[in-house]
Every structure is written in structure tokens, then in C-alpha cells.
């Protein structure tokens, strides 16, 4: 399975990425071995994710989410939190 995710950083900024394992990726981010962006903004927490069968679909969705404004991302996260149990 492939995942697109959004993490909330300690400075309240958002980072979007994709992975094949949410658990491993979160550990990598929080150990400072994730994205350069999150290294200085630890700890991070996953606040949103979507699942995809194909890597290419996850990467397309990651790109689409990165094009959204912060407000649009917050709406996406809010809807996700209301409809799931993170």
C-alpha cells in the first residue's frame, strides 16, 4: 500500500509526503532522518492520510495536496479527523 500523508510540525506548519509505511515514516521524521523541512520542526504528528494501491497515484495526490493553500489543507484535515479515529 502507498500513502499520502500530512504531518503537523511543532511550529504548527504542515508537511505533505508519501510513503509505503506510515509508522516507519513517522519514526524517520521524528528521529531527524525524514525530510529536511521537518528536521528543524520536531516532533511531528500525522494528522491526515490517504491510501493508494499504486505509487504513481499516491505521488499525483501528493502533488495535488501540495498545491492547496494552508486553509484548504486545514479543511481536508478537519474533515478527515471528523470521519476517522486517528
Foldseek 3Di string as FASTA:
>chain_A
DKKWWWKQFQVRDIDIDMDPDPVVQLVCLQVLNHDPVSNVGDDIDTQDMDDDPDPVVNVVVSVVLVPDDPVVVVVVSVVRVVVDPD
